[in-house]
Amino acid sequence: MQLTANDFYRLAADLTDEHGADAMEYARRAVAAFEAEGAKDRARFWFTMCVFLDDLAEHRNDPDRPVTIH
């Protein structure tokens, strides 16, 4: 099963709702930990999550609307 951009965005919004500003730090730590382990796919997942978390933190997107990736 592949996640869509909207799936990622909904997960990021849920993480933000649950953990607030700490969500970004958790995601960054996950990227570093998985890169150190050589788990490239997992690191890439969390890096993508960081991008969406940053968009939410900067209010660039509305979590209740579908996201469009260009």
Protein backbone atom coordinates (compact mmCIF):
# COMPACT_ATOMS: atom_id res chain seq x y z
CA MET A 1 0.00 0.00 0.00
CA GLN A 2 1.35 3.40 -0.97
CA LEU A 3 0.60 6.57 0.95
CA THR A 4 -0.70 9.54 -0.97
CA ALA A 5 0.29 13.15 -0.31
CA ASN A 6 -3.03 13.59 1.47
CA ASP A 7 -2.28 10.55 3.68
CA PHE A 8 1.06 12.09 4.66
CA TYR A 9 -0.59 15.42 5.31
CA ARG A 10 -3.32 13.90 7.49
CA LEU A 11 -0.67 12.01 9.50
CA ALA A 12 1.34 15.20 9.92
CA ALA A 13 -1.77 17.06 11.09
CA ASP A 14 -2.55 14.28 13.56
CA LEU A 15 1.02 14.33 14.90
CA THR A 16 0.83 18.10 15.29
CA ASP A 17 -2.51 17.88 17.07
CA GLU A 18 -1.13 15.24 19.43
CA HIS A 19 2.40 16.56 20.05
CA GLY A 20 2.39 20.22 19.01
CA ALA A 21 5.79 21.71 18.19
CA ASP A 22 7.52 18.57 19.50
CA ALA A 23 6.25 16.62 16.48
CA MET A 24 8.93 18.18 14.27
CA GLU A 25 11.68 17.27 16.72
CA TYR A 26 10.43 13.67 16.88
CA ALA A 27 10.42 13.47 13.10
CA ARG A 28 13.93 14.94 12.80
CA ARG A 29 15.25 12.47 15.36
CA ALA A 30 13.62 9.63 13.46
CA VAL A 31 15.34 10.74 10.23
CA ALA A 32 18.73 10.80 11.95
CA ALA A 33 18.21 7.47 13.70
CA PHE A 34 17.04 5.64 10.58
CA GLU A 35 19.82 7.13 8.45
CA ALA A 36 22.36 5.98 11.03
CA GLU A 37 20.87 2.47 10.87
CA GLY A 38 20.97 2.50 7.07
CA ALA A 39 17.16 2.26 6.86
CA LYS A 40 16.86 4.60 3.89
CA ASP A 41 13.15 4.05 3.20
CA ARG A 42 12.22 4.76 6.80
CA ALA A 43 14.46 7.83 6.88
CA ARG A 44 12.87 9.07 3.65
CA PHE A 45 9.38 8.58 5.14
CA TRP A 46 10.24 10.71 8.17
CA PHE A 47 12.01 13.34 6.04
CA THR A 48 8.83 13.67 3.98
CA MET A 49 6.87 13.94 7.22
CA CYS A 50 9.20 16.80 8.25
CA VAL A 51 8.28 18.69 5.07
CA PHE A 52 4.57 18.38 5.82
CA LEU A 53 5.06 19.24 9.50
CA ASP A 54 6.97 22.36 8.48
CA ASP A 55 4.14 23.40 6.14
CA LEU A 56 1.68 23.04 9.00
CA ALA A 57 3.90 24.95 11.45
CA GLU A 58 4.27 27.81 8.97
CA HIS A 59 0.51 27.79 8.16
CA ARG A 60 1.19 27.24 4.45
CA ASN A 61 -1.57 24.64 4.17
CA ASP A 62 -4.91 23.94 5.79
CA PRO A 63 -4.97 20.42 7.28
CA ASP A 64 -8.67 20.09 6.51
CA ARG A 65 -8.24 20.61 2.77
CA PRO A 66 -6.65 18.29 0.20
CA VAL A 67 -3.04 19.05 -0.60
CA THR A 68 -1.66 19.49 -4.12
CA ILE A 69 1.97 18.68 -4.85
CA HIS A 70 3.56 20.37 -7.88
